[in-house]
PDB file of N, CA and C in Angstrom:
ATOM      1  N   MET A   1       0.694 -11.299   2.156  1.00  0.00           N
ATOM      2  CA  MET A   1       1.416 -10.275   2.894  1.00  0.00           C
ATOM      3  C   MET A   1       0.443  -9.531   3.796  1.00  0.00           C
ATOM      4  N   LYS A   2       0.932  -9.205   4.951  1.00  0.00           N
ATOM      5  CA  LYS A   2       0.102  -8.513   5.921  1.00  0.00           C
ATOM      6  C   LYS A   2      -0.292  -7.117   5.428  1.00  0.00           C
ATOM      7  N   ALA A   3       0.611  -6.467   4.708  1.00  0.00           N
ATOM      8  CA  ALA A   3       0.326  -5.119   4.197  1.00  0.00           C
ATOM      9  C   ALA A   3      -0.891  -5.134   3.284  1.00  0.00           C
ATOM     10  N   LEU A   4      -0.971  -6.119   2.417  1.00  0.00           N
ATOM     11  CA  LEU A   4      -2.101  -6.222   1.496  1.00  0.00           C
ATOM     12  C   LEU A   4      -3.406  -6.426   2.258  1.00  0.00           C
ATOM     13  N   LYS A   5      -3.383  -7.278   3.264  1.00  0.00           N
ATOM     14  CA  LYS A   5      -4.579  -7.522   4.070  1.00  0.00           C
ATOM     15  C   LYS A   5      -5.045  -6.247   4.759  1.00  0.00           C
ATOM     16  N   ILE A   6      -4.107  -5.483   5.297  1.00  0.00           N
ATOM     17  CA  ILE A   6      -4.451  -4.232   5.982  1.00  0.00           C
ATOM     18  C   ILE A   6      -5.013  -3.218   4.991  1.00  0.00           C
ATOM     19  N   LEU A   7      -4.367  -3.080   3.832  1.00  0.00           N
ATOM     20  CA  LEU A   7      -4.847  -2.150   2.811  1.00  0.00           C
ATOM     21  C   LEU A   7      -6.268  -2.500   2.374  1.00  0.00           C
ATOM     22  N   GLU A   8      -6.504  -3.764   2.074  1.00  0.00           N
ATOM     23  CA  GLU A   8      -7.825  -4.183   1.601  1.00  0.00           C
ATOM     24  C   GLU A   8      -8.884  -4.051   2.688  1.00  0.00           C
ATOM     25  N   LYS A   9      -8.526  -4.342   3.922  1.00  0.00           N
ATOM     26  CA  LYS A   9      -9.475  -4.230   5.034  1.00  0.00           C
ATOM     27  C   LYS A   9      -9.890  -2.770   5.245  1.00  0.00           C
ATOM     28  N   LYS A  10      -8.899  -1.867   5.226  1.00  0.00           N
ATOM     29  CA  LYS A  10      -9.200  -0.443   5.422  1.00  0.00           C
ATOM     30  C   LYS A  10      -9.983   0.117   4.242  1.00  0.00           C
ATOM     31  N   LYS A  11      -9.709  -0.361   3.037  1.00  0.00           N
ATOM     32  CA  LYS A  11     -10.467   0.091   1.867  1.00  0.00           C
ATOM     33  C   LYS A  11     -11.907  -0.399   1.955  1.00  0.00           C
ATOM     34  N   GLN A  12     -12.086  -1.640   2.374  1.00  0.00           N
ATOM     35  CA  GLN A  12     -13.432  -2.201   2.499  1.00  0.00           C
ATOM     36  C   GLN A  12     -14.251  -1.434   3.540  1.00  0.00           C
ATOM     37  N   LYS A  13     -13.592  -1.002   4.609  1.00  0.00           N
ATOM     38  CA  LYS A  13     -14.279  -0.224   5.651  1.00  0.00           C
ATOM     39  C   LYS A  13     -14.411   1.251   5.269  1.00  0.00           C
ATOM     40  N   LYS A  14     -13.914   1.582   4.070  1.00  0.00           N
ATOM     41  CA  LYS A  14     -13.957   2.950   3.533  1.00  0.00           C
ATOM     42  C   LYS A  14     -13.165   3.934   4.389  1.00  0.00           C
ATOM     43  N   GLU A  15     -12.112   3.440   5.039  1.00  0.00           N
ATOM     44  CA  GLU A  15     -11.222   4.299   5.814  1.00  0.00           C
ATOM     45  C   GLU A  15     -10.190   4.967   4.914  1.00  0.00           C
ATOM     46  N   ILE A  16      -9.884   4.309   3.790  1.00  0.00           N
ATOM     47  CA  ILE A  16      -8.906   4.852   2.839  1.00  0.00           C
ATOM     48  C   ILE A  16      -9.413   4.671   1.421  1.00  0.00           C
ATOM     49  N   LYS A  17      -8.806   5.426   0.517  1.00  0.00           N
ATOM     50  CA  LYS A  17      -9.045   5.246  -0.915  1.00  0.00           C
ATOM     51  C   LYS A  17      -7.684   5.093  -1.558  1.00  0.00           C
ATOM     52  N   TYR A  18      -7.595   4.158  -2.490  1.00  0.00           N
ATOM     53  CA  TYR A  18      -6.319   3.924  -3.148  1.00  0.00           C
ATOM     54  C   TYR A  18      -5.818   5.156  -3.881  1.00  0.00           C
ATOM     55  N   ILE A  19      -6.721   5.945  -4.441  1.00  0.00           N
ATOM     56  CA  ILE A  19      -6.306   7.147  -5.158  1.00  0.00           C
ATOM     57  C   ILE A  19      -5.647   8.147  -4.202  1.00  0.00           C
ATOM     58  N   GLU A  20      -6.116   8.202  -2.949  1.00  0.00           N
ATOM     59  CA  GLU A  20      -5.515   9.105  -1.968  1.00  0.00           C
ATOM     60  C   GLU A  20      -4.096   8.672  -1.620  1.00  0.00           C
ATOM     61  N   ILE A  21      -3.896   7.374  -1.488  1.00  0.00           N
ATOM     62  CA  ILE A  21      -2.545   6.872  -1.200  1.00  0.00           C
ATOM     63  C   ILE A  21      -1.639   7.141  -2.400  1.00  0.00           C
ATOM     64  N   ALA A  22      -2.153   6.914  -3.593  1.00  0.00           N
ATOM     65  CA  ALA A  22      -1.365   7.170  -4.803  1.00  0.00           C
ATOM     66  C   ALA A  22      -0.937   8.634  -4.868  1.00  0.00           C
ATOM     67  N   LYS A  23      -1.860   9.532  -4.597  1.00  0.00           N
ATOM     68  CA  LYS A  23      -1.528  10.965  -4.597  1.00  0.00           C
ATOM     69  C   LYS A  23      -0.487  11.275  -3.539  1.00  0.00           C
ATOM     70  N   HIS A  24      -0.636  10.672  -2.367  1.00  0.00           N
ATOM     71  CA  HIS A  24       0.315  10.880  -1.266  1.00  0.00           C
ATOM     72  C   HIS A  24       1.720  10.424  -1.680  1.00  0.00           C
ATOM     73  N   LEU A  25       1.786   9.350  -2.460  1.00  0.00           N
ATOM     74  CA  LEU A  25       3.069   8.828  -2.917  1.00  0.00           C
ATOM     75  C   LEU A  25       3.602   9.565  -4.134  1.00  0.00           C
ATOM     76  N   GLY A  26       2.734  10.312  -4.805  1.00  0.00           N
ATOM     77  CA  GLY A  26       3.141  11.022  -6.012  1.00  0.00           C
ATOM     78  C   GLY A  26       3.192  10.126  -7.236  1.00  0.00           C
ATOM     79  N   VAL A  27       2.338   9.100  -7.245  1.00  0.00           N
ATOM     80  CA  VAL A  27       2.260   8.189  -8.397  1.00  0.00           C
ATOM     81  C   VAL A  27       0.823   8.178  -8.904  1.00  0.00           C
ATOM     82  N   SER A  28       0.645   7.650 -10.102  1.00  0.00           N
ATOM     83  CA  SER A  28      -0.708   7.552 -10.639  1.00  0.00           C
ATOM     84  C   SER A  28      -1.444   6.373 -10.004  1.00  0.00           C
ATOM     85  N   LYS A  29      -2.761   6.373 -10.149  1.00  0.00           N
ATOM     86  CA  LYS A  29      -3.563   5.267  -9.628  1.00  0.00           C
ATOM     87  C   LYS A  29      -3.161   3.963 -10.310  1.00  0.00           C
ATOM     88  N   GLN A  30      -2.835   4.053 -11.604  1.00  0.00           N
ATOM     89  CA  GLN A  30      -2.424   2.868 -12.355  1.00  0.00           C
ATOM     90  C   GLN A  30      -1.122   2.290 -11.801  1.00  0.00           C
ATOM     91  N   ASP A  31      -0.173   3.170 -11.485  1.00  0.00           N
ATOM     92  CA  ASP A  31       1.088   2.699 -10.889  1.00  0.00           C
ATOM     93  C   ASP A  31       0.837   2.026  -9.546  1.00  0.00           C
ATOM     94  N   PHE A  32      -0.007   2.640  -8.735  1.00  0.00           N
ATOM     95  CA  PHE A  32      -0.315   2.063  -7.421  1.00  0.00           C
ATOM     96  C   PHE A  32      -0.990   0.703  -7.584  1.00  0.00           C
ATOM     97  N   ASN A  33      -1.924   0.611  -8.528  1.00  0.00           N
ATOM     98  CA  ASN A  33      -2.603  -0.666  -8.773  1.00  0.00           C
ATOM     99  C   ASN A  33      -1.629  -1.736  -9.278  1.00  0.00           C
ATOM    100  N   TYR A  34      -0.631  -1.335 -10.043  1.00  0.00           N
ATOM    101  CA  TYR A  34       0.403  -2.266 -10.493  1.00  0.00           C
ATOM    102  C   TYR A  34       1.123  -2.877  -9.288  1.00  0.00           C
ATOM    103  N   HIS A  35       1.483  -2.035  -8.328  1.00  0.00           N
ATOM    104  CA  HIS A  35       2.165  -2.522  -7.124  1.00  0.00           C
ATOM    105  C   HIS A  35       1.245  -3.420  -6.293  1.00  0.00           C
ATOM    106  N   LEU A  36      -0.033  -3.070  -6.209  1.00  0.00           N
ATOM    107  CA  LEU A  36      -0.987  -3.911  -5.478  1.00  0.00           C
ATOM    108  C   LEU A  36      -1.122  -5.284  -6.134  1.00  0.00           C
ATOM    109  N   LYS A  37      -1.170  -5.276  -7.459  1.00  0.00           N
ATOM    110  CA  LYS A  37      -1.255  -6.536  -8.205  1.00  0.00           C
ATOM    111  C   LYS A  37      -0.050  -7.429  -7.880  1.00  0.00           C
ATOM    112  N   ASN A  38       1.123  -6.816  -7.802  1.00  0.00           N
ATOM    113  CA  ASN A  38       2.324  -7.571  -7.450  1.00  0.00           C
ATOM    114  C   ASN A  38       2.283  -8.053  -6.003  1.00  0.00           C
ATOM    115  N   LEU A  39       1.742  -7.245  -5.101  1.00  0.00           N
ATOM    116  CA  LEU A  39       1.607  -7.687  -3.703  1.00  0.00           C
ATOM    117  C   LEU A  39       0.731  -8.927  -3.613  1.00  0.00           C
ATOM    118  N   ARG A  40      -0.312  -8.958  -4.422  1.00  0.00           N
ATOM    119  CA  ARG A  40      -1.201 -10.124  -4.435  1.00  0.00           C
ATOM    120  C   ARG A  40      -0.464 -11.387  -4.889  1.00  0.00           C
ATOM    121  N   LYS A  41       0.621 -11.191  -5.648  1.00  0.00           N
ATOM    122  CA  LYS A  41       1.450 -12.311  -6.112  1.00  0.00           C
ATOM    123  C   LYS A  41       2.647 -12.534  -5.179  1.00  0.00           C
ATOM    124  N   ASN A  42       2.614 -11.904  -3.999  1.00  0.00           N
ATOM    125  CA  ASN A  42       3.700 -11.976  -3.009  1.00  0.00           C
ATOM    126  C   ASN A  42       5.008 -11.380  -3.512  1.00  0.00           C
ATOM    127  N   LYS A  43       4.899 -10.368  -4.371  1.00  0.00           N
ATOM    128  CA  LYS A  43       6.067  -9.617  -4.840  1.00  0.00           C
ATOM    129  C   LYS A  43       5.907  -8.179  -4.373  1.00  0.00           C
ATOM    130  N   ASN A  44       6.908  -7.680  -3.678  1.00  0.00           N
ATOM    131  CA  ASN A  44       6.855  -6.302  -3.204  1.00  0.00           C
ATOM    132  C   ASN A  44       7.679  -5.429  -4.140  1.00  0.00           C
ATOM    133  N   THR A  45       7.006  -4.629  -4.969  1.00  0.00           N
ATOM    134  CA  THR A  45       7.701  -3.773  -5.926  1.00  0.00           C
ATOM    135  C   THR A  45       7.698  -2.303  -5.517  1.00  0.00           C
ATOM    136  N   PHE A  46       7.184  -2.007  -4.318  1.00  0.00           N
ATOM    137  CA  PHE A  46       7.254  -0.638  -3.813  1.00  0.00           C
ATOM    138  C   PHE A  46       8.698  -0.316  -3.452  1.00  0.00           C
ATOM    139  N   SER A  47       9.092   0.944  -3.648  1.00  0.00           N
ATOM    140  CA  SER A  47      10.432   1.366  -3.238  1.00  0.00           C
ATOM    141  C   SER A  47      10.458   1.520  -1.721  1.00  0.00           C
ATOM    142  N   ALA A  48      11.651   1.626  -1.176  1.00  0.00           N
ATOM    143  CA  ALA A  48      11.804   1.777   0.279  1.00  0.00           C
ATOM    144  C   ALA A  48      11.083   3.031   0.768  1.00  0.00           C
ATOM    145  N   ASP A  49      11.207   4.127   0.023  1.00  0.00           N
ATOM    146  CA  ASP A  49      10.536   5.372   0.411  1.00  0.00           C
ATOM    147  C   ASP A  49       9.021   5.227   0.355  1.00  0.00           C
ATOM    148  N   GLN A  50       8.523   4.530  -0.665  1.00  0.00           N
ATOM    149  CA  GLN A  50       7.081   4.315  -0.770  1.00  0.00           C
ATOM    150  C   GLN A  50       6.569   3.460   0.386  1.00  0.00           C
ATOM    151  N   ILE A  51       7.324   2.454   0.769  1.00  0.00           N
ATOM    152  CA  ILE A  51       6.932   1.605   1.893  1.00  0.00           C
ATOM    153  C   ILE A  51       6.840   2.434   3.169  1.00  0.00           C
ATOM    154  N   LYS A  52       7.815   3.301   3.387  1.00  0.00           N
ATOM    155  CA  LYS A  52       7.801   4.170   4.571  1.00  0.00           C
ATOM    156  C   LYS A  52       6.572   5.077   4.563  1.00  0.00           C
ATOM    157  N   GLU A  53       6.283   5.684   3.412  1.00  0.00           N
ATOM    158  CA  GLU A  53       5.149   6.603   3.311  1.00  0.00           C
ATOM    159  C   GLU A  53       3.806   5.886   3.489  1.00  0.00           C
ATOM    160  N   ILE A  54       3.671   4.715   2.911  1.00  0.00           N
ATOM    161  CA  ILE A  54       2.429   3.956   3.068  1.00  0.00           C
ATOM    162  C   ILE A  54       2.237   3.559   4.527  1.00  0.00           C
ATOM    163  N   SER A  55       3.307   3.136   5.169  1.00  0.00           N
ATOM    164  CA  SER A  55       3.229   2.754   6.583  1.00  0.00           C
ATOM    165  C   SER A  55       2.786   3.929   7.438  1.00  0.00           C
ATOM    166  N   LYS A  56       3.355   5.102   7.179  1.00  0.00           N
ATOM    167  CA  LYS A  56       2.950   6.309   7.911  1.00  0.00           C
ATOM    168  C   LYS A  56       1.479   6.624   7.655  1.00  0.00           C
ATOM    169  N   TYR A  57       1.077   6.553   6.396  1.00  0.00           N
ATOM    170  CA  TYR A  57      -0.302   6.869   6.009  1.00  0.00           C
ATOM    171  C   TYR A  57      -1.293   5.945   6.710  1.00  0.00           C
ATOM    172  N   LEU A  58      -0.936   4.668   6.817  1.00  0.00           N
ATOM    173  CA  LEU A  58      -1.815   3.685   7.456  1.00  0.00           C
ATOM    174  C   LEU A  58      -1.702   3.694   8.970  1.00  0.00           C
ATOM    175  N   GLY A  59      -0.647   4.311   9.498  1.00  0.00           N
ATOM    176  CA  GLY A  59      -0.419   4.297  10.925  1.00  0.00           C
ATOM    177  C   GLY A  59       0.049   2.925  11.407  1.00  0.00           C
ATOM    178  N   GLU A  60       0.770   2.229  10.544  1.00  0.00           N
ATOM    179  CA  GLU A  60       1.256   0.880  10.844  1.00  0.00           C
ATOM    180  C   GLU A  60       2.780   0.866  10.820  1.00  0.00           C
ATOM    181  N   ASP A  61       3.350  -0.179  11.404  1.00  0.00           N
ATOM    182  CA  ASP A  61       4.788  -0.362  11.390  1.00  0.00           C
ATOM    183  C   ASP A  61       5.238  -0.826  10.007  1.00  0.00           C
ATOM    184  N   ILE A  62       6.425  -0.449   9.637  1.00  0.00           N
ATOM    185  CA  ILE A  62       6.961  -0.797   8.321  1.00  0.00           C
ATOM    186  C   ILE A  62       7.098  -2.307   8.124  1.00  0.00           C
ATOM    187  N   SER A  63       7.159  -3.043   9.196  1.00  0.00           N
ATOM    188  CA  SER A  63       7.363  -4.496   9.120  1.00  0.00           C
ATOM    189  C   SER A  63       6.199  -5.221   8.447  1.00  0.00           C
ATOM    190  N   ILE A  64       5.043  -4.574   8.296  1.00  0.00           N
ATOM    191  CA  ILE A  64       3.889  -5.241   7.653  1.00  0.00           C
ATOM    192  C   ILE A  64       4.201  -5.626   6.222  1.00  0.00           C
ATOM    193  N   PHE A  65       5.182  -4.973   5.613  1.00  0.00           N
ATOM    194  CA  PHE A  65       5.548  -5.297   4.229  1.00  0.00           C
ATOM    195  C   PHE A  65       6.490  -6.501   4.129  1.00  0.00           C
ATOM    196  N   PHE A  66       6.956  -6.973   5.275  1.00  0.00           N
ATOM    197  CA  PHE A  66       7.944  -8.048   5.257  1.00  0.00           C
ATOM    198  C   PHE A  66       7.461  -9.286   5.998  1.00  0.00           C
ATOM    199  N   GLU A  67       6.183  -9.317   6.323  1.00  0.00           N
ATOM    200  CA  GLU A  67       5.622 -10.488   7.024  1.00  0.00           C
ATOM    201  C   GLU A  67       4.864 -11.362   6.058  1.00  0.00           C
TER     202      GLU A  67
END
């Protein structure tokens, strides 16, 4: 998924931290990591609202979760 690639690329460049995104979403780091683990398996378990918030946080279009 394109969303996973963008998340990992920005984390590697130290532009984002997963804990910051988790706080922004109002979930624990463990919950966020659970969703990331599922993304790696090509399963999107984020809710629609979470997808919108992550897209805003990254400054990306929401479609990255569906490519």
